[in-house]
Amino acid sequence: VANLNLSLTTTSGGVQPVALQWTLGYSPADISNISVTVAGTAVTAAKTVFCSKGTSSTTCFIYGTNATTISGGVIAQVSANLSPTTRAASTAILISGMVASDRTGNAIGATATGSTITIQAPAVSLTGLACSPGTIAGSGIVNCTIALSGAAPTGGLPVILASNTAN
């Protein structure tokens, strides 16, 4: 899971919003799910977040039943669940369709920028070992098969077998 803060920057002397809407775009090959929770200054302003999910985007709306403005700072936390099958080194989350409104419901200027998530491949580990024959009674050949938690990294994954018996 990658967690990102969504922040609001207001201009000096500018009108502050009471509601915001935006769309997060992402690659479904790299991100399996996105969830958004209200945070920071939006919590202080007693706002709620509602999101509608698509296959490669999530549209969110921060609103409240009050006319309290949302000041600059963190307004939401975005949690992106990375797809277990992703092979990307990084993936982008784009923010588009940014709309803000003032206390009277009029649109006010708003822009947004996205973010990039750097994906670190999880460490591959040994999950199973099976040898045939299972017991070594003397000299001979034993064939072993290993199971890994994921694809072996470039160059392979060393596996060392050892025994405390002379056989």
C-alpha atoms as a PDB file:
ATOM      1  CA  VAL A   1       0.000   0.000   0.000  1.00  0.00           C
ATOM      2  CA  ALA A   2       1.255   3.458  -0.893  1.00  0.00           C
ATOM      3  CA  ASN A   3      -0.186   6.375   1.098  1.00  0.00           C
ATOM      4  CA  LEU A   4      -0.220   9.869  -0.356  1.00  0.00           C
ATOM      5  CA  ASN A   5      -1.439  13.130   1.130  1.00  0.00           C
ATOM      6  CA  LEU A   6      -3.667  15.296  -1.023  1.00  0.00           C
ATOM      7  CA  SER A   7      -3.017  18.928  -0.146  1.00  0.00           C
ATOM      8  CA  LEU A   8      -4.796  22.182  -0.871  1.00  0.00           C
ATOM      9  CA  THR A   9      -2.859  25.373  -1.482  1.00  0.00           C
ATOM     10  CA  THR A  10      -4.829  28.593  -1.357  1.00  0.00           C
ATOM     11  CA  THR A  11      -3.619  31.898  -2.733  1.00  0.00           C
ATOM     12  CA  SER A  12      -3.104  34.819  -0.419  1.00  0.00           C
ATOM     13  CA  GLY A  13      -6.346  36.768  -0.212  1.00  0.00           C
ATOM     14  CA  GLY A  14      -8.124  34.242  -2.419  1.00  0.00           C
ATOM     15  CA  VAL A  15     -11.540  32.781  -1.751  1.00  0.00           C
ATOM     16  CA  GLN A  16     -11.317  29.499   0.120  1.00  0.00           C
ATOM     17  CA  PRO A  17     -13.451  26.558  -0.992  1.00  0.00           C
ATOM     18  CA  VAL A  18     -16.212  24.859   0.968  1.00  0.00           C
ATOM     19  CA  ALA A  19     -16.273  21.890  -1.427  1.00  0.00           C
ATOM     20  CA  LEU A  20     -13.845  20.232  -3.851  1.00  0.00           C
ATOM     21  CA  GLN A  21     -14.064  17.594  -6.564  1.00  0.00           C
ATOM     22  CA  TRP A  22     -11.286  15.779  -8.437  1.00  0.00           C
ATOM     23  CA  THR A  23     -10.545  12.586 -10.356  1.00  0.00           C
ATOM     24  CA  LEU A  24      -7.582  10.311  -9.668  1.00  0.00           C
ATOM     25  CA  GLY A  25      -6.434   8.408 -12.763  1.00  0.00           C
ATOM     26  CA  TYR A  26      -4.181   5.358 -12.509  1.00  0.00           C
ATOM     27  CA  SER A  27      -3.079   2.192 -14.281  1.00  0.00           C
ATOM     28  CA  PRO A  28      -5.202  -0.802 -13.191  1.00  0.00           C
ATOM     29  CA  ALA A  29      -2.235  -3.040 -14.108  1.00  0.00           C
ATOM     30  CA  ASP A  30      -0.226  -1.365 -11.326  1.00  0.00           C
ATOM     31  CA  ILE A  31      -2.901  -0.276  -8.826  1.00  0.00           C
ATOM     32  CA  SER A  32      -5.707  -2.636  -7.845  1.00  0.00           C
ATOM     33  CA  ASN A  33      -7.692  -0.222  -5.640  1.00  0.00           C
ATOM     34  CA  ILE A  34      -7.649   3.341  -4.375  1.00  0.00           C
ATOM     35  CA  SER A  35      -9.355   4.562  -1.221  1.00  0.00           C
ATOM     36  CA  VAL A  36      -9.583   8.134   0.024  1.00  0.00           C
ATOM     37  CA  THR A  37     -10.224   9.404   3.553  1.00  0.00           C
ATOM     38  CA  VAL A  38     -10.812  12.970   4.648  1.00  0.00           C
ATOM     39  CA  ALA A  39      -7.885  14.414   6.639  1.00  0.00           C
ATOM     40  CA  GLY A  40      -6.274  17.537   8.053  1.00  0.00           C
ATOM     41  CA  THR A  41      -7.970  20.855   7.305  1.00  0.00           C
ATOM     42  CA  ALA A  42     -11.024  19.145   5.764  1.00  0.00           C
ATOM     43  CA  VAL A  43     -11.586  17.313   9.060  1.00  0.00           C
ATOM     44  CA  THR A  44     -11.213  20.619  10.919  1.00  0.00           C
ATOM     45  CA  ALA A  45     -13.890  22.105   8.612  1.00  0.00           C
ATOM     46  CA  ALA A  46     -16.179  19.102   9.401  1.00  0.00           C
ATOM     47  CA  LYS A  47     -16.183  17.842   5.805  1.00  0.00           C
ATOM     48  CA  THR A  48     -16.836  14.364   4.410  1.00  0.00           C
ATOM     49  CA  VAL A  49     -15.424  12.631   1.347  1.00  0.00           C
ATOM     50  CA  PHE A  50     -17.389  10.526  -1.137  1.00  0.00           C
ATOM     51  CA  CYS A  51     -15.687   8.664  -3.982  1.00  0.00           C
ATOM     52  CA  SER A  52     -17.023   6.848  -7.028  1.00  0.00           C
ATOM     53  CA  LYS A  53     -14.692   4.188  -8.425  1.00  0.00           C
ATOM     54  CA  GLY A  54     -14.151   3.192 -12.048  1.00  0.00           C
ATOM     55  CA  THR A  55     -11.716   0.669 -13.517  1.00  0.00           C
ATOM     56  CA  SER A  56      -8.858   3.149 -13.935  1.00  0.00           C
ATOM     57  CA  SER A  57     -10.085   6.212 -12.058  1.00  0.00           C
ATOM     58  CA  THR A  58     -11.724   7.348  -8.847  1.00  0.00           C
ATOM     59  CA  THR A  59     -13.705  10.591  -8.647  1.00  0.00           C
ATOM     60  CA  CYS A  60     -13.961  12.166  -5.190  1.00  0.00           C
ATOM     61  CA  PHE A  61     -15.965  14.988  -3.676  1.00  0.00           C
ATOM     62  CA  ILE A  62     -15.241  16.699  -0.347  1.00  0.00           C
ATOM     63  CA  TYR A  63     -18.318  18.429   1.027  1.00  0.00           C
ATOM     64  CA  GLY A  64     -20.170  19.273   4.197  1.00  0.00           C
ATOM     65  CA  THR A  65     -23.559  20.367   5.408  1.00  0.00           C
ATOM     66  CA  ASN A  66     -21.955  23.569   6.668  1.00  0.00           C
ATOM     67  CA  ALA A  67     -20.516  26.681   5.026  1.00  0.00           C
ATOM     68  CA  THR A  68     -17.140  26.337   6.746  1.00  0.00           C
ATOM     69  CA  THR A  69     -14.273  26.946   4.341  1.00  0.00           C
ATOM     70  CA  ILE A  70     -11.427  24.504   3.879  1.00  0.00           C
ATOM     71  CA  SER A  71      -8.073  26.144   4.531  1.00  0.00           C
ATOM     72  CA  GLY A  72      -4.775  25.209   2.918  1.00  0.00           C
ATOM     73  CA  GLY A  73      -3.024  22.037   4.008  1.00  0.00           C
ATOM     74  CA  VAL A  74      -3.650  18.303   3.826  1.00  0.00           C
ATOM     75  CA  ILE A  75      -7.314  17.640   2.962  1.00  0.00           C
ATOM     76  CA  ALA A  76      -7.323  13.907   2.234  1.00  0.00           C
ATOM     77  CA  GLN A  77      -5.215  10.789   2.397  1.00  0.00           C
ATOM     78  CA  VAL A  78      -5.080   8.545  -0.663  1.00  0.00           C
ATOM     79  CA  SER A  79      -4.215   4.861  -0.163  1.00  0.00           C
ATOM     80  CA  ALA A  80      -3.227   3.008  -3.325  1.00  0.00           C
ATOM     81  CA  ASN A  81      -3.124  -0.791  -3.156  1.00  0.00           C
ATOM     82  CA  LEU A  82      -0.476  -1.989  -5.547  1.00  0.00           C
ATOM     83  CA  SER A  83      -1.388  -4.882  -7.805  1.00  0.00           C
ATOM     84  CA  PRO A  84       0.538  -8.029  -6.852  1.00  0.00           C
ATOM     85  CA  THR A  85       1.225  -8.680 -10.544  1.00  0.00           C
ATOM     86  CA  THR A  86       2.707  -5.282 -11.415  1.00  0.00           C
ATOM     87  CA  ARG A  87       6.115  -5.319 -13.089  1.00  0.00           C
ATOM     88  CA  ALA A  88       6.473  -1.520 -13.223  1.00  0.00           C
ATOM     89  CA  ALA A  89       9.250   0.318 -11.384  1.00  0.00           C
ATOM     90  CA  SER A  90       6.939   3.294 -10.892  1.00  0.00           C
ATOM     91  CA  THR A  91       3.376   4.305 -11.677  1.00  0.00           C
ATOM     92  CA  ALA A  92       1.642   7.660 -11.916  1.00  0.00           C
ATOM     93  CA  ILE A  93      -1.491   8.863 -10.202  1.00  0.00           C
ATOM     94  CA  LEU A  94      -2.904  11.739 -12.230  1.00  0.00           C
ATOM     95  CA  ILE A  95      -5.290  14.316 -10.816  1.00  0.00           C
ATOM     96  CA  SER A  96      -7.736  15.870 -13.244  1.00  0.00           C
ATOM     97  CA  GLY A  97     -11.128  17.542 -13.263  1.00  0.00           C
ATOM     98  CA  MET A  98     -10.327  19.679 -10.218  1.00  0.00           C
ATOM     99  CA  VAL A  99     -13.330  21.825  -9.290  1.00  0.00           C
ATOM    100  CA  ALA A 100     -13.819  24.000  -6.223  1.00  0.00           C
ATOM    101  CA  SER A 101     -16.811  25.978  -5.032  1.00  0.00           C
ATOM    102  CA  ASP A 102     -17.292  28.863  -2.613  1.00  0.00           C
ATOM    103  CA  ARG A 103     -19.955  29.379   0.075  1.00  0.00           C
ATOM    104  CA  THR A 104     -22.574  30.406  -2.485  1.00  0.00           C
ATOM    105  CA  GLY A 105     -21.935  27.441  -4.768  1.00  0.00           C
ATOM    106  CA  ASN A 106     -20.009  29.413  -7.385  1.00  0.00           C
ATOM    107  CA  ALA A 107     -17.020  27.770  -9.042  1.00  0.00           C
ATOM    108  CA  ILE A 108     -13.649  29.168  -8.031  1.00  0.00           C
ATOM    109  CA  GLY A 109     -10.322  28.585  -9.740  1.00  0.00           C
ATOM    110  CA  ALA A 110      -8.542  25.345  -8.907  1.00  0.00           C
ATOM    111  CA  THR A 111      -5.683  23.342 -10.367  1.00  0.00           C
ATOM    112  CA  ALA A 112      -4.158  20.014  -9.415  1.00  0.00           C
ATOM    113  CA  THR A 113      -0.999  18.004  -9.940  1.00  0.00           C
ATOM    114  CA  GLY A 114      -0.390  14.285  -9.692  1.00  0.00           C
ATOM    115  CA  SER A 115       2.197  12.092  -8.077  1.00  0.00           C
ATOM    116  CA  THR A 116       4.418   9.157  -8.914  1.00  0.00           C
ATOM    117  CA  ILE A 117       4.680   6.041  -6.772  1.00  0.00           C
ATOM    118  CA  THR A 118       8.006   4.202  -6.841  1.00  0.00           C
ATOM    119  CA  ILE A 119       7.360   0.482  -6.662  1.00  0.00           C
ATOM    120  CA  GLN A 120       9.899  -1.668  -4.886  1.00  0.00           C
ATOM    121  CA  ALA A 121       9.641  -5.326  -5.747  1.00  0.00           C
ATOM    122  CA  PRO A 122       8.957  -7.415  -2.662  1.00  0.00           C
ATOM    123  CA  ALA A 123      11.759  -9.718  -1.574  1.00  0.00           C
ATOM    124  CA  VAL A 124      11.379 -13.191  -3.046  1.00  0.00           C
ATOM    125  CA  SER A 125      11.665 -15.997  -0.520  1.00  0.00           C
ATOM    126  CA  LEU A 126      11.709 -19.768  -0.471  1.00  0.00           C
ATOM    127  CA  THR A 127       8.217 -21.132   0.251  1.00  0.00           C
ATOM    128  CA  GLY A 128       8.723 -24.828  -0.375  1.00  0.00           C
ATOM    129  CA  LEU A 129      11.278 -27.573  -0.951  1.00  0.00           C
ATOM    130  CA  ALA A 130      10.643 -31.138  -2.156  1.00  0.00           C
ATOM    131  CA  CYS A 131      13.372 -33.705  -2.837  1.00  0.00           C
ATOM    132  CA  SER A 132      13.178 -37.135  -4.430  1.00  0.00           C
ATOM    133  CA  PRO A 133      14.118 -39.449  -2.932  1.00  0.00           C
ATOM    134  CA  GLY A 134      13.219 -37.850   0.386  1.00  0.00           C
ATOM    135  CA  THR A 135      15.856 -39.786   2.331  1.00  0.00           C
ATOM    136  CA  ILE A 136      19.459 -40.268   1.307  1.00  0.00           C
ATOM    137  CA  ALA A 137      20.776 -43.717   2.281  1.00  0.00           C
ATOM    138  CA  GLY A 138      24.186 -43.438   0.625  1.00  0.00           C
ATOM    139  CA  SER A 139      25.838 -41.788  -2.311  1.00  0.00           C
ATOM    140  CA  GLY A 140      23.623 -40.976  -5.251  1.00  0.00           C
ATOM    141  CA  ILE A 141      21.638 -38.263  -6.949  1.00  0.00           C
ATOM    142  CA  VAL A 142      18.763 -36.395  -5.349  1.00  0.00           C
ATOM    143  CA  ASN A 143      16.515 -34.114  -7.402  1.00  0.00           C
ATOM    144  CA  CYS A 144      15.027 -31.184  -5.522  1.00  0.00           C
ATOM    145  CA  THR A 145      12.379 -28.681  -6.556  1.00  0.00           C
ATOM    146  CA  ILE A 146      11.920 -25.347  -4.823  1.00  0.00           C
ATOM    147  CA  ALA A 147       8.932 -23.029  -4.718  1.00  0.00           C
ATOM    148  CA  LEU A 148       9.357 -19.245  -4.471  1.00  0.00           C
ATOM    149  CA  SER A 149       7.026 -16.514  -3.246  1.00  0.00           C
ATOM    150  CA  GLY A 150       7.380 -14.733  -6.607  1.00  0.00           C
ATOM    151  CA  ALA A 151       9.421 -14.625  -9.782  1.00  0.00           C
ATOM    152  CA  ALA A 152      13.136 -15.193  -9.264  1.00  0.00           C
ATOM    153  CA  PRO A 153      15.116 -11.972  -9.609  1.00  0.00           C
ATOM    154  CA  THR A 154      17.454 -11.382 -12.548  1.00  0.00           C
ATOM    155  CA  GLY A 155      20.494 -13.578 -12.021  1.00  0.00           C
ATOM    156  CA  GLY A 156      18.525 -16.171 -10.052  1.00  0.00           C
ATOM    157  CA  LEU A 157      18.010 -16.832  -6.362  1.00  0.00           C
ATOM    158  CA  PRO A 158      20.675 -18.869  -4.579  1.00  0.00           C
ATOM    159  CA  VAL A 159      19.421 -21.755  -2.466  1.00  0.00           C
ATOM    160  CA  ILE A 160      21.914 -23.557  -0.249  1.00  0.00           C
ATOM    161  CA  LEU A 161      21.210 -27.114   0.884  1.00  0.00           C
ATOM    162  CA  ALA A 162      23.065 -28.588   3.828  1.00  0.00           C
ATOM    163  CA  SER A 163      22.900 -31.679   5.992  1.00  0.00           C
ATOM    164  CA  ASN A 164      24.392 -32.725   9.312  1.00  0.00           C
ATOM    165  CA  THR A 165      24.756 -36.406   8.274  1.00  0.00           C
ATOM    166  CA  ALA A 166      27.585 -38.082   6.372  1.00  0.00           C
ATOM    167  CA  ASN A 167      25.149 -39.341   3.683  1.00  0.00           C
END
